[in-house]
Amino acid sequence: MKPYHEKLLSVWLIIIAILFVSSFLTVTAIFHVLKIDIIFHIFVYSILAYIPMIAFRKRKTAVLLSLAVAPLSFFFESMHSFISGWSFEYLDALVNNIGIIGGMTAGIFVRLKNHYKKESATTIL
């Protein structure tokens, strides 16, 4: 794996750790009150699904890791509801999955772009 990809995976793991820790915090409840948590959920989970799509060469590994973010999001929502006292937010879970689909879609487009760029470079030579 290239050093750039290792850095991406480090960022990916850091984001997962931050989400895990924030599931235990009641401070994040201010996001619910201000109604900006939906934007946060879409943004974070799209990044979590996007990074594996561009960091791994093997498609199967990339897709499986991106899809693994979905059960992880349900786990974090459950943890948030147990610890902070908020009930399980089905809207947040739905928005998480929308973010995952968006991140995977963006990752697929980047993979296709890179594939065709490599293919055109080899045909020219």
N, C-alpha and C. Protein backbone atom coordinates (compact mmCIF):
# COMPACT_ATOMS: atom_id res chain seq x y z
N MET A 1 0.84 -1.17 0.00
CA MET A 1 0.00 0.00 0.00
C MET A 1 0.89 1.24 0.00
N LYS A 2 0.49 2.25 -0.72
CA LYS A 2 1.27 3.49 -0.81
C LYS A 2 1.13 4.30 0.47
N PRO A 3 2.14 5.13 0.78
CA PRO A 3 2.06 5.96 1.99
C PRO A 3 0.82 6.85 2.01
N TYR A 4 0.41 7.37 0.84
CA TYR A 4 -0.78 8.21 0.77
C TYR A 4 -2.01 7.43 1.24
N HIS A 5 -2.10 6.18 0.82
CA HIS A 5 -3.24 5.35 1.20
C HIS A 5 -3.19 5.02 2.69
N GLU A 6 -2.00 4.85 3.23
CA GLU A 6 -1.87 4.60 4.66
C GLU A 6 -2.34 5.82 5.46
N LYS A 7 -2.05 7.01 4.97
CA LYS A 7 -2.52 8.23 5.64
C LYS A 7 -4.04 8.32 5.58
N LEU A 8 -4.61 7.96 4.44
CA LEU A 8 -6.07 7.97 4.32
C LEU A 8 -6.71 7.01 5.32
N LEU A 9 -6.12 5.83 5.43
CA LEU A 9 -6.67 4.85 6.37
C LEU A 9 -6.50 5.32 7.81
N SER A 10 -5.42 6.04 8.11
CA SER A 10 -5.25 6.59 9.45
C SER A 10 -6.34 7.62 9.73
N VAL A 11 -6.63 8.47 8.76
CA VAL A 11 -7.71 9.46 8.92
C VAL A 11 -9.04 8.74 9.11
N TRP A 12 -9.25 7.68 8.35
CA TRP A 12 -10.49 6.89 8.44
C TRP A 12 -10.66 6.33 9.84
N LEU A 13 -9.60 5.75 10.39
CA LEU A 13 -9.67 5.19 11.74
C LEU A 13 -9.85 6.27 12.80
N ILE A 14 -9.26 7.43 12.61
CA ILE A 14 -9.42 8.53 13.55
C ILE A 14 -10.86 9.02 13.55
N ILE A 15 -11.47 9.13 12.37
CA ILE A 15 -12.87 9.56 12.30
C ILE A 15 -13.78 8.55 13.00
N ILE A 16 -13.51 7.27 12.80
CA ILE A 16 -14.30 6.24 13.48
C ILE A 16 -14.14 6.35 15.00
N ALA A 17 -12.91 6.59 15.46
CA ALA A 17 -12.67 6.74 16.90
C ALA A 17 -13.39 7.97 17.45
N ILE A 18 -13.38 9.06 16.70
CA ILE A 18 -14.08 10.28 17.15
C ILE A 18 -15.58 10.03 17.22
N LEU A 19 -16.13 9.32 16.23
CA LEU A 19 -17.55 9.00 16.28
C LEU A 19 -17.88 8.12 17.47
N PHE A 20 -17.01 7.17 17.76
CA PHE A 20 -17.23 6.29 18.90
C PHE A 20 -17.25 7.08 20.20
N VAL A 21 -16.27 7.95 20.37
CA VAL A 21 -16.21 8.76 21.59
C VAL A 21 -17.39 9.72 21.66
N SER A 22 -17.76 10.32 20.53
CA SER A 22 -18.88 11.26 20.55
C SER A 22 -20.21 10.57 20.83
N SER A 23 -20.28 9.26 20.64
CA SER A 23 -21.50 8.53 20.98
C SER A 23 -21.74 8.53 22.49
N PHE A 24 -20.68 8.71 23.26
CA PHE A 24 -20.80 8.72 24.71
C PHE A 24 -21.01 10.11 25.28
N LEU A 25 -20.86 11.14 24.47
CA LEU A 25 -20.95 12.50 24.97
C LEU A 25 -22.37 13.04 24.86
N THR A 26 -22.79 13.73 25.88
CA THR A 26 -24.10 14.39 25.83
C THR A 26 -23.97 15.79 25.24
N VAL A 27 -22.75 16.26 25.05
CA VAL A 27 -22.51 17.58 24.48
C VAL A 27 -23.02 17.64 23.05
N THR A 28 -22.99 16.51 22.35
CA THR A 28 -23.43 16.49 20.96
C THR A 28 -24.93 16.72 20.82
N ALA A 29 -25.63 16.77 21.93
CA ALA A 29 -27.07 17.00 21.88
C ALA A 29 -27.40 18.39 21.33
N ILE A 30 -26.47 19.32 21.43
CA ILE A 30 -26.71 20.67 20.89
C ILE A 30 -26.93 20.61 19.38
N PHE A 31 -26.30 19.64 18.71
CA PHE A 31 -26.51 19.47 17.28
C PHE A 31 -27.96 19.11 16.98
N HIS A 32 -28.56 18.29 17.87
CA HIS A 32 -29.96 17.91 17.68
C HIS A 32 -30.87 19.12 17.84
N VAL A 33 -30.56 19.94 18.81
CA VAL A 33 -31.39 21.12 19.07
C VAL A 33 -31.29 22.10 17.91
N LEU A 34 -30.10 22.29 17.38
CA LEU A 34 -29.91 23.24 16.28
C LEU A 34 -30.28 22.66 14.92
N LYS A 35 -30.58 21.37 14.88
CA LYS A 35 -30.98 20.67 13.64
C LYS A 35 -29.88 20.67 12.58
N ILE A 36 -28.62 20.73 13.01
CA ILE A 36 -27.52 20.62 12.05
C ILE A 36 -26.90 19.23 12.07
N ASP A 37 -27.43 18.37 12.90
CA ASP A 37 -26.86 17.04 12.99
C ASP A 37 -27.05 16.23 11.71
N ILE A 38 -28.09 16.53 10.95
CA ILE A 38 -28.33 15.80 9.71
C ILE A 38 -27.20 16.08 8.71
N ILE A 39 -26.79 17.33 8.61
CA ILE A 39 -25.69 17.69 7.71
C ILE A 39 -24.41 17.01 8.18
N PHE A 40 -24.18 17.01 9.49
CA PHE A 40 -23.01 16.37 10.06
C PHE A 40 -23.00 14.87 9.75
N HIS A 41 -24.14 14.21 9.92
CA HIS A 41 -24.24 12.77 9.64
C HIS A 41 -23.94 12.46 8.17
N ILE A 42 -24.54 13.23 7.28
CA ILE A 42 -24.30 12.98 5.85
C ILE A 42 -22.83 13.18 5.52
N PHE A 43 -22.25 14.25 6.00
CA PHE A 43 -20.86 14.57 5.69
C PHE A 43 -19.90 13.50 6.23
N VAL A 44 -20.03 13.17 7.50
CA VAL A 44 -19.09 12.23 8.12
C VAL A 44 -19.22 10.84 7.52
N TYR A 45 -20.44 10.36 7.34
CA TYR A 45 -20.59 9.00 6.83
C TYR A 45 -20.28 8.90 5.34
N SER A 46 -20.42 9.99 4.61
CA SER A 46 -19.99 9.94 3.21
C SER A 46 -18.47 9.85 3.13
N ILE A 47 -17.78 10.55 4.01
CA ILE A 47 -16.31 10.45 4.05
C ILE A 47 -15.88 9.06 4.49
N LEU A 48 -16.57 8.51 5.49
CA LEU A 48 -16.22 7.17 5.96
C LEU A 48 -16.43 6.11 4.88
N ALA A 49 -17.38 6.30 4.00
CA ALA A 49 -17.60 5.35 2.91
C ALA A 49 -16.70 5.64 1.71
N TYR A 50 -16.31 6.89 1.55
CA TYR A 50 -15.48 7.29 0.41
C TYR A 50 -14.03 6.83 0.55
N ILE A 51 -13.47 6.97 1.73
CA ILE A 51 -12.05 6.68 1.93
C ILE A 51 -11.68 5.25 1.55
N PRO A 52 -12.40 4.23 2.00
CA PRO A 52 -12.01 2.88 1.56
C PRO A 52 -12.15 2.67 0.05
N MET A 53 -13.09 3.36 -0.57
CA MET A 53 -13.28 3.19 -2.01
C MET A 53 -12.07 3.67 -2.81
N ILE A 54 -11.35 4.66 -2.29
CA ILE A 54 -10.19 5.15 -3.02
C ILE A 54 -8.87 4.64 -2.45
N ALA A 55 -8.89 4.11 -1.23
CA ALA A 55 -7.65 3.70 -0.58
C ALA A 55 -7.23 2.27 -0.93
N PHE A 56 -8.17 1.43 -1.30
CA PHE A 56 -7.86 0.03 -1.56
C PHE A 56 -7.92 -0.26 -3.05
N ARG A 57 -6.95 -1.02 -3.51
CA ARG A 57 -6.93 -1.39 -4.93
C ARG A 57 -8.00 -2.40 -5.27
N LYS A 58 -8.15 -3.39 -4.42
CA LYS A 58 -9.13 -4.45 -4.70
C LYS A 58 -10.53 -3.91 -4.49
N ARG A 59 -11.34 -4.05 -5.53
CA ARG A 59 -12.71 -3.55 -5.46
C ARG A 59 -13.50 -4.20 -4.34
N LYS A 60 -13.36 -5.51 -4.21
CA LYS A 60 -14.13 -6.24 -3.21
C LYS A 60 -13.82 -5.72 -1.80
N THR A 61 -12.56 -5.53 -1.50
CA THR A 61 -12.17 -5.00 -0.19
C THR A 61 -12.71 -3.60 0.02
N ALA A 62 -12.60 -2.77 -1.00
CA ALA A 62 -13.07 -1.39 -0.90
C ALA A 62 -14.57 -1.34 -0.65
N VAL A 63 -15.32 -2.13 -1.42
CA VAL A 63 -16.78 -2.12 -1.28
C VAL A 63 -17.20 -2.69 0.06
N LEU A 64 -16.57 -3.79 0.48
CA LEU A 64 -16.94 -4.40 1.76
C LEU A 64 -16.65 -3.48 2.94
N LEU A 65 -15.53 -2.80 2.92
CA LEU A 65 -15.23 -1.87 4.00
C LEU A 65 -16.17 -0.67 3.99
N SER A 66 -16.51 -0.19 2.82
CA SER A 66 -17.45 0.92 2.74
C SER A 66 -18.83 0.49 3.23
N LEU A 67 -19.24 -0.71 2.86
CA LEU A 67 -20.54 -1.21 3.32
C LEU A 67 -20.54 -1.51 4.82
N ALA A 68 -19.37 -1.83 5.36
CA ALA A 68 -19.28 -2.12 6.79
C ALA A 68 -19.53 -0.88 7.64
N VAL A 69 -19.50 0.27 7.03
CA VAL A 69 -19.78 1.50 7.77
C VAL A 69 -21.26 1.56 8.17
N ALA A 70 -22.13 0.92 7.40
CA ALA A 70 -23.58 0.97 7.70
C ALA A 70 -23.90 0.31 9.05
N PRO A 71 -23.49 -0.94 9.31
CA PRO A 71 -23.77 -1.49 10.63
C PRO A 71 -23.05 -0.73 11.74
N LEU A 72 -21.90 -0.17 11.41
CA LEU A 72 -21.18 0.63 12.38
C LEU A 72 -21.99 1.87 12.76
N SER A 73 -22.67 2.46 11.78
CA SER A 73 -23.49 3.64 12.08
C SER A 73 -24.66 3.28 12.98
N PHE A 74 -25.25 2.11 12.76
CA PHE A 74 -26.34 1.67 13.65
C PHE A 74 -25.82 1.42 15.06
N PHE A 75 -24.62 0.87 15.15
CA PHE A 75 -24.02 0.65 16.46
C PHE A 75 -23.80 1.97 17.18
N PHE A 76 -23.25 2.96 16.47
CA PHE A 76 -23.00 4.26 17.09
C PHE A 76 -24.31 4.95 17.48
N GLU A 77 -25.34 4.82 16.66
CA GLU A 77 -26.65 5.40 17.01
C GLU A 77 -27.20 4.72 18.27
N SER A 78 -27.03 3.42 18.35
CA SER A 78 -27.49 2.69 19.54
C SER A 78 -26.72 3.13 20.78
N MET A 79 -25.41 3.27 20.64
CA MET A 79 -24.59 3.71 21.77
C MET A 79 -25.00 5.10 22.21
N HIS A 80 -25.25 5.96 21.24
CA HIS A 80 -25.67 7.33 21.56
C HIS A 80 -26.99 7.32 22.32
N SER A 81 -27.89 6.45 21.93
CA SER A 81 -29.19 6.42 22.60
C SER A 81 -29.07 5.84 24.01
N PHE A 82 -28.19 4.86 24.21
CA PHE A 82 -28.03 4.28 25.55
C PHE A 82 -27.33 5.23 26.51
N ILE A 83 -26.34 5.92 26.04
CA ILE A 83 -25.50 6.72 26.92
C ILE A 83 -26.08 8.11 27.17
N SER A 84 -26.48 8.80 26.14
CA SER A 84 -26.90 10.19 26.29
C SER A 84 -28.36 10.34 26.71
N GLY A 85 -29.11 9.27 26.61
CA GLY A 85 -30.51 9.35 26.99
C GLY A 85 -31.44 9.69 25.84
N TRP A 86 -30.90 10.05 24.70
CA TRP A 86 -31.72 10.29 23.52
C TRP A 86 -32.20 8.95 23.00
N SER A 87 -33.37 8.93 22.43
CA SER A 87 -33.85 7.69 21.84
C SER A 87 -33.13 7.44 20.52
N PHE A 88 -33.23 6.21 20.03
CA PHE A 88 -32.62 5.86 18.76
C PHE A 88 -33.27 6.71 17.68
N GLU A 89 -32.47 7.45 16.96
CA GLU A 89 -32.98 8.36 15.93
C GLU A 89 -32.98 7.66 14.58
N TYR A 90 -34.16 7.26 14.13
CA TYR A 90 -34.27 6.58 12.85
C TYR A 90 -33.91 7.51 11.69
N LEU A 91 -34.21 8.78 11.84
CA LEU A 91 -33.85 9.74 10.80
C LEU A 91 -32.33 9.83 10.66
N ASP A 92 -31.62 9.85 11.80
CA ASP A 92 -30.16 9.87 11.76
C ASP A 92 -29.62 8.61 11.10
N ALA A 93 -30.19 7.48 11.41
CA ALA A 93 -29.75 6.22 10.80
C ALA A 93 -29.99 6.24 9.28
N LEU A 94 -31.12 6.78 8.87
CA LEU A 94 -31.41 6.89 7.44
C LEU A 94 -30.44 7.85 6.76
N VAL A 95 -30.18 8.97 7.40
CA VAL A 95 -29.27 9.95 6.83
C VAL A 95 -27.84 9.40 6.78
N ASN A 96 -27.46 8.61 7.78
CA ASN A 96 -26.15 7.95 7.75
C ASN A 96 -26.03 7.10 6.48
N ASN A 97 -27.06 6.33 6.20
CA ASN A 97 -27.03 5.46 5.02
C ASN A 97 -27.05 6.26 3.72
N ILE A 98 -27.72 7.39 3.71
CA ILE A 98 -27.68 8.26 2.53
C ILE A 98 -26.26 8.78 2.32
N GLY A 99 -25.61 9.16 3.41
CA GLY A 99 -24.22 9.59 3.32
C GLY A 99 -23.30 8.48 2.83
N ILE A 100 -23.54 7.26 3.30
CA ILE A 100 -22.74 6.11 2.86
C ILE A 100 -22.92 5.88 1.37
N ILE A 101 -24.14 5.92 0.90
CA ILE A 101 -24.40 5.74 -0.54
C ILE A 101 -23.72 6.85 -1.34
N GLY A 102 -23.80 8.08 -0.86
CA GLY A 102 -23.15 9.19 -1.55
C GLY A 102 -21.64 9.04 -1.59
N GLY A 103 -21.04 8.64 -0.48
CA GLY A 103 -19.60 8.45 -0.43
C GLY A 103 -19.14 7.31 -1.32
N MET A 104 -19.90 6.22 -1.33
CA MET A 104 -19.55 5.10 -2.20
C MET A 104 -19.69 5.49 -3.66
N THR A 105 -20.72 6.24 -3.98
CA THR A 105 -20.92 6.68 -5.37
C THR A 105 -19.76 7.57 -5.82
N ALA A 106 -19.38 8.51 -4.98
CA ALA A 106 -18.25 9.38 -5.31
C ALA A 106 -16.97 8.55 -5.47
N GLY A 107 -16.79 7.57 -4.60
CA GLY A 107 -15.62 6.71 -4.68
C GLY A 107 -15.60 5.89 -5.96
N ILE A 108 -16.76 5.42 -6.39
CA ILE A 108 -16.85 4.66 -7.63
C ILE A 108 -16.47 5.54 -8.82
N PHE A 109 -16.94 6.78 -8.83
CA PHE A 109 -16.59 7.69 -9.92
C PHE A 109 -15.08 7.97 -9.95
N VAL A 110 -14.47 8.14 -8.79
CA VAL A 110 -13.04 8.38 -8.73
C VAL A 110 -12.28 7.14 -9.21
N ARG A 111 -12.73 5.96 -8.80
CA ARG A 111 -12.09 4.72 -9.25
C ARG A 111 -12.21 4.57 -10.77
N LEU A 112 -13.38 4.86 -11.31
CA LEU A 112 -13.56 4.77 -12.77
C LEU A 112 -12.67 5.77 -13.49
N LYS A 113 -12.60 6.97 -12.98
CA LYS A 113 -11.76 8.00 -13.60
C LYS A 113 -10.30 7.54 -13.61
N ASN A 114 -9.83 7.03 -12.47
CA ASN A 114 -8.44 6.56 -12.40
C ASN A 114 -8.21 5.36 -13.32
N HIS A 115 -9.20 4.49 -13.41
CA HIS A 115 -9.09 3.31 -14.27
C HIS A 115 -8.94 3.73 -15.73
N TYR A 116 -9.80 4.61 -16.18
CA TYR A 116 -9.74 5.03 -17.58
C TYR A 116 -8.52 5.89 -17.87
N LYS A 117 -8.05 6.62 -16.85
CA LYS A 117 -6.83 7.40 -17.03
C LYS A 117 -5.63 6.47 -17.23
N LYS A 118 -5.56 5.40 -16.43
CA LYS A 118 -4.48 4.42 -16.58
C LYS A 118 -4.60 3.68 -17.90
N GLU A 119 -5.83 3.34 -18.26
CA GLU A 119 -6.06 2.60 -19.50
C GLU A 119 -5.65 3.43 -20.72
N SER A 120 -5.99 4.71 -20.72
CA SER A 120 -5.63 5.57 -21.86
C SER A 120 -4.13 5.82 -21.89
N ALA A 121 -3.48 5.85 -20.74
CA ALA A 121 -2.03 6.03 -20.71
C ALA A 121 -1.31 4.82 -21.27
N THR A 122 -1.84 3.63 -21.03
CA THR A 122 -1.19 2.42 -21.54
C THR A 122 -1.45 2.23 -23.02
N THR A 123 -2.56 2.69 -23.52
CA THR A 123 -2.84 2.54 -24.96
C THR A 123 -2.04 3.53 -25.81
N ILE A 124 -1.71 4.67 -25.23
CA ILE A 124 -0.91 5.67 -25.95
C ILE A 124 0.52 5.17 -26.11
N LEU A 125 1.03 4.54 -25.08
CA LEU A 125 2.42 4.05 -25.14
C LEU A 125 2.44 2.82 -25.98
